Amino acid sequence: MVIKNKEIPLVLCNAKSKRTGKLCRQPAMKNRKCRLHGGKSTGAKTHKGKLNQKRAVTKHGFYSKEAILERKKTKEYIRKGKKLLLNC
């Protein structure tokens, strides 16, 4: 926290730069982020909005539960096949 004018406390944004590693020096809003780093954002509130957000961030589904389970089954199938070939 930086004191400005000795009376009004000025809270700075706590976002950190990936490139320089330094903290942002913009004044923060209520959620400790500045307007540039999502200070006005409150996130999705409704169930439909949350589903839309979830769909928007899924690019390919490689790490979805179904894809992981399918890869595990395939690996197990290959392991069993190798074991059968070695026992012949």
N, C-alpha and C. Protein backbone atom coordinates (compact mmCIF):
# COMPACT_ATOMS: atom_id res chain seq x y z
N MET A 1 0.85 -1.18 0.00
CA MET A 1 0.00 0.00 0.00
C MET A 1 0.89 1.24 0.00
N VAL A 2 0.53 2.20 -0.77
CA VAL A 2 1.27 3.45 -0.87
C VAL A 2 0.37 4.56 -0.35
N ILE A 3 0.93 5.42 0.48
CA ILE A 3 0.15 6.53 1.02
C ILE A 3 0.27 7.72 0.06
N LYS A 4 -0.87 8.24 -0.34
CA LYS A 4 -0.89 9.38 -1.24
C LYS A 4 -1.55 10.55 -0.50
N ASN A 5 -0.91 11.68 -0.49
CA ASN A 5 -1.39 12.88 0.18
C ASN A 5 -1.51 12.69 1.69
N LYS A 6 -0.87 11.71 2.26
CA LYS A 6 -0.81 11.42 3.69
C LYS A 6 -2.18 11.15 4.32
N GLU A 7 -3.25 11.15 3.55
CA GLU A 7 -4.58 10.91 4.11
C GLU A 7 -5.29 9.76 3.41
N ILE A 8 -5.21 9.72 2.08
CA ILE A 8 -5.94 8.72 1.31
C ILE A 8 -5.00 7.56 0.98
N PRO A 9 -5.29 6.36 1.52
CA PRO A 9 -4.44 5.22 1.17
C PRO A 9 -4.72 4.78 -0.27
N LEU A 10 -3.68 4.54 -1.02
CA LEU A 10 -3.81 4.12 -2.41
C LEU A 10 -3.34 2.68 -2.51
N VAL A 11 -4.24 1.79 -2.86
CA VAL A 11 -3.91 0.38 -3.00
C VAL A 11 -3.52 0.13 -4.45
N LEU A 12 -2.39 -0.53 -4.65
CA LEU A 12 -1.92 -0.81 -6.00
C LEU A 12 -2.35 -2.20 -6.44
N CYS A 13 -2.44 -2.37 -7.74
CA CYS A 13 -2.80 -3.65 -8.35
C CYS A 13 -1.75 -4.70 -7.97
N ASN A 14 -2.20 -5.92 -7.65
CA ASN A 14 -1.24 -6.96 -7.27
C ASN A 14 -0.94 -7.93 -8.41
N ALA A 15 -1.24 -7.54 -9.66
CA ALA A 15 -0.92 -8.38 -10.81
C ALA A 15 0.58 -8.29 -11.09
N LYS A 16 1.15 -9.41 -11.52
CA LYS A 16 2.59 -9.47 -11.76
C LYS A 16 2.85 -9.74 -13.24
N SER A 17 3.82 -9.06 -13.80
CA SER A 17 4.17 -9.23 -15.21
C SER A 17 4.92 -10.55 -15.42
N LYS A 18 4.53 -11.29 -16.47
CA LYS A 18 5.24 -12.53 -16.79
C LYS A 18 6.64 -12.23 -17.31
N ARG A 19 6.74 -11.15 -18.05
CA ARG A 19 8.01 -10.84 -18.72
C ARG A 19 9.05 -10.29 -17.75
N THR A 20 8.67 -9.28 -16.95
CA THR A 20 9.65 -8.63 -16.08
C THR A 20 9.61 -9.15 -14.65
N GLY A 21 8.47 -9.71 -14.24
CA GLY A 21 8.33 -10.19 -12.87
C GLY A 21 7.98 -9.08 -11.88
N LYS A 22 7.80 -7.87 -12.38
CA LYS A 22 7.48 -6.74 -11.51
C LYS A 22 5.97 -6.61 -11.34
N LEU A 23 5.56 -5.98 -10.24
CA LEU A 23 4.15 -5.75 -9.98
C LEU A 23 3.64 -4.57 -10.80
N CYS A 24 2.35 -4.63 -11.13
CA CYS A 24 1.69 -3.54 -11.83
C CYS A 24 1.61 -2.33 -10.89
N ARG A 25 1.77 -1.14 -11.43
CA ARG A 25 1.76 0.06 -10.59
C ARG A 25 0.49 0.87 -10.74
N GLN A 26 -0.55 0.30 -11.35
CA GLN A 26 -1.83 0.99 -11.52
C GLN A 26 -2.62 0.93 -10.20
N PRO A 27 -3.48 1.91 -9.94
CA PRO A 27 -4.33 1.84 -8.75
C PRO A 27 -5.34 0.70 -8.86
N ALA A 28 -5.53 -0.01 -7.77
CA ALA A 28 -6.41 -1.18 -7.77
C ALA A 28 -7.85 -0.78 -7.50
N MET A 29 -8.75 -1.69 -7.91
CA MET A 29 -10.16 -1.53 -7.62
C MET A 29 -10.48 -2.39 -6.39
N LYS A 30 -11.74 -2.69 -6.14
CA LYS A 30 -12.14 -3.44 -4.94
C LYS A 30 -11.51 -4.82 -4.85
N ASN A 31 -11.29 -5.47 -6.00
CA ASN A 31 -10.78 -6.84 -5.96
C ASN A 31 -9.25 -6.90 -6.08
N ARG A 32 -8.57 -5.84 -5.78
CA ARG A 32 -7.11 -5.74 -5.77
C ARG A 32 -6.47 -5.85 -7.15
N LYS A 33 -7.27 -5.68 -8.21
CA LYS A 33 -6.75 -5.66 -9.58
C LYS A 33 -7.12 -4.32 -10.21
N CYS A 34 -6.29 -3.86 -11.11
CA CYS A 34 -6.59 -2.61 -11.80
C CYS A 34 -7.54 -2.87 -12.97
N ARG A 35 -7.96 -1.83 -13.64
CA ARG A 35 -8.88 -1.97 -14.76
C ARG A 35 -8.26 -2.74 -15.91
N LEU A 36 -6.93 -2.73 -16.01
CA LEU A 36 -6.24 -3.42 -17.10
C LEU A 36 -6.15 -4.93 -16.85
N HIS A 37 -6.20 -5.34 -15.59
CA HIS A 37 -6.03 -6.76 -15.25
C HIS A 37 -7.31 -7.39 -14.72
N GLY A 38 -8.45 -6.85 -15.08
CA GLY A 38 -9.73 -7.47 -14.73
C GLY A 38 -10.37 -6.94 -13.48
N GLY A 39 -10.12 -5.70 -13.14
CA GLY A 39 -10.70 -5.12 -11.94
C GLY A 39 -12.21 -4.99 -11.99
N LYS A 40 -12.76 -4.76 -13.17
CA LYS A 40 -14.21 -4.61 -13.31
C LYS A 40 -14.90 -5.94 -13.52
N SER A 41 -14.14 -6.98 -13.79
CA SER A 41 -14.73 -8.29 -14.08
C SER A 41 -15.24 -8.94 -12.80
N THR A 42 -16.43 -9.50 -12.87
CA THR A 42 -17.00 -10.22 -11.72
C THR A 42 -17.23 -11.68 -12.03
N GLY A 43 -17.03 -12.08 -13.27
CA GLY A 43 -17.21 -13.47 -13.66
C GLY A 43 -18.66 -13.79 -13.98
N ALA A 44 -18.87 -14.99 -14.47
CA ALA A 44 -20.22 -15.42 -14.84
C ALA A 44 -21.05 -15.69 -13.58
N LYS A 45 -22.31 -15.30 -13.61
CA LYS A 45 -23.20 -15.48 -12.45
C LYS A 45 -24.21 -16.60 -12.66
N THR A 46 -24.76 -16.70 -13.87
CA THR A 46 -25.81 -17.69 -14.12
C THR A 46 -25.20 -19.03 -14.55
N HIS A 47 -26.01 -20.07 -14.45
CA HIS A 47 -25.55 -21.40 -14.84
C HIS A 47 -25.21 -21.43 -16.33
N LYS A 48 -26.04 -20.78 -17.14
CA LYS A 48 -25.80 -20.73 -18.58
C LYS A 48 -24.50 -19.99 -18.89
N GLY A 49 -24.26 -18.90 -18.19
CA GLY A 49 -23.03 -18.13 -18.39
C GLY A 49 -21.79 -18.93 -18.01
N LYS A 50 -21.89 -19.70 -16.92
CA LYS A 50 -20.76 -20.53 -16.50
C LYS A 50 -20.48 -21.63 -17.51
N LEU A 51 -21.55 -22.21 -18.09
CA LEU A 51 -21.36 -23.24 -19.11
C LEU A 51 -20.71 -22.65 -20.36
N ASN A 52 -21.15 -21.45 -20.75
CA ASN A 52 -20.55 -20.78 -21.92
C ASN A 52 -19.07 -20.52 -21.69
N GLN A 53 -18.72 -20.10 -20.50
CA GLN A 53 -17.33 -19.82 -20.17
C GLN A 53 -16.50 -21.11 -20.21
N LYS A 54 -17.07 -22.18 -19.70
CA LYS A 54 -16.37 -23.46 -19.70
C LYS A 54 -16.13 -23.95 -21.13
N ARG A 55 -17.13 -23.77 -21.99
CA ARG A 55 -16.99 -24.18 -23.39
C ARG A 55 -15.98 -23.31 -24.13
N ALA A 56 -15.90 -22.05 -23.77
CA ALA A 56 -15.02 -21.12 -24.47
C ALA A 56 -13.55 -21.42 -24.20
N VAL A 57 -13.22 -21.92 -23.01
CA VAL A 57 -11.82 -22.16 -22.69
C VAL A 57 -11.35 -23.55 -23.12
N THR A 58 -12.26 -24.44 -23.51
CA THR A 58 -11.88 -25.76 -23.97
C THR A 58 -11.48 -25.67 -25.44
N LYS A 59 -10.21 -25.94 -25.73
CA LYS A 59 -9.72 -25.83 -27.10
C LYS A 59 -9.84 -27.14 -27.84
N HIS A 60 -9.39 -28.21 -27.24
CA HIS A 60 -9.33 -29.46 -27.99
C HIS A 60 -9.84 -30.66 -27.20
N GLY A 61 -9.98 -30.56 -25.90
CA GLY A 61 -10.49 -31.67 -25.11
C GLY A 61 -9.47 -32.74 -24.80
N PHE A 62 -8.19 -32.49 -25.02
CA PHE A 62 -7.15 -33.49 -24.79
C PHE A 62 -7.08 -33.90 -23.32
N TYR A 63 -7.36 -32.98 -22.42
CA TYR A 63 -7.28 -33.26 -20.99
C TYR A 63 -8.65 -33.49 -20.36
N SER A 64 -9.67 -33.71 -21.16
CA SER A 64 -11.00 -33.98 -20.60
C SER A 64 -11.00 -35.36 -19.95
N LYS A 65 -11.94 -35.58 -19.05
CA LYS A 65 -12.02 -36.87 -18.35
C LYS A 65 -12.19 -38.03 -19.33
N GLU A 66 -13.01 -37.80 -20.35
CA GLU A 66 -13.26 -38.87 -21.32
C GLU A 66 -12.00 -39.21 -22.11
N ALA A 67 -11.26 -38.20 -22.52
CA ALA A 67 -10.04 -38.44 -23.30
C ALA A 67 -8.98 -39.14 -22.46
N ILE A 68 -8.84 -38.74 -21.21
CA ILE A 68 -7.87 -39.38 -20.32
C ILE A 68 -8.23 -40.83 -20.09
N LEU A 69 -9.51 -41.11 -19.86
CA LEU A 69 -9.97 -42.48 -19.65
C LEU A 69 -9.73 -43.33 -20.90
N GLU A 70 -9.99 -42.77 -22.06
CA GLU A 70 -9.77 -43.50 -23.31
C GLU A 70 -8.29 -43.84 -23.50
N ARG A 71 -7.40 -42.89 -23.19
CA ARG A 71 -5.97 -43.17 -23.31
C ARG A 71 -5.52 -44.23 -22.32
N LYS A 72 -6.07 -44.22 -21.11
CA LYS A 72 -5.72 -45.25 -20.12
C LYS A 72 -6.14 -46.63 -20.61
N LYS A 73 -7.35 -46.72 -21.17
CA LYS A 73 -7.83 -48.00 -21.69
C LYS A 73 -6.94 -48.49 -22.83
N THR A 74 -6.53 -47.59 -23.71
CA THR A 74 -5.67 -47.95 -24.83
C THR A 74 -4.31 -48.44 -24.33
N LYS A 75 -3.74 -47.75 -23.35
CA LYS A 75 -2.45 -48.18 -22.80
C LYS A 75 -2.55 -49.56 -22.17
N GLU A 76 -3.64 -49.80 -21.45
CA GLU A 76 -3.84 -51.11 -20.81
C GLU A 76 -3.99 -52.20 -21.88
N TYR A 77 -4.70 -51.90 -22.95
CA TYR A 77 -4.89 -52.85 -24.05
C TYR A 77 -3.54 -53.19 -24.69
N ILE A 78 -2.70 -52.19 -24.90
CA ILE A 78 -1.37 -52.41 -25.47
C ILE A 78 -0.50 -53.23 -24.52
N ARG A 79 -0.57 -52.92 -23.21
CA ARG A 79 0.20 -53.69 -22.22
C ARG A 79 -0.19 -55.17 -22.24
N LYS A 80 -1.50 -55.43 -22.30
CA LYS A 80 -1.97 -56.81 -22.33
C LYS A 80 -1.51 -57.52 -23.60
N GLY A 81 -1.54 -56.81 -24.73
CA GLY A 81 -1.08 -57.38 -25.99
C GLY A 81 0.40 -57.74 -25.95
N LYS A 82 1.22 -56.85 -25.41
CA LYS A 82 2.66 -57.12 -25.29
C LYS A 82 2.91 -58.31 -24.37
N LYS A 83 2.14 -58.37 -23.28
CA LYS A 83 2.31 -59.48 -22.33
C LYS A 83 1.97 -60.81 -23.01
N LEU A 84 0.90 -60.83 -23.80
CA LEU A 84 0.53 -62.05 -24.53
C LEU A 84 1.60 -62.46 -25.53
N LEU A 85 2.18 -61.49 -26.23
CA LEU A 85 3.22 -61.79 -27.22
C LEU A 85 4.49 -62.32 -26.55
N LEU A 86 4.82 -61.81 -25.39
CA LEU A 86 6.03 -62.26 -24.69
C LEU A 86 5.85 -63.66 -24.11
N ASN A 87 4.63 -64.03 -23.76
CA ASN A 87 4.37 -65.35 -23.16
C ASN A 87 4.24 -66.45 -24.20
N CYS A 88 4.18 -66.13 -25.48
CA CYS A 88 4.00 -67.16 -26.52
C CYS A 88 5.23 -68.00 -26.69
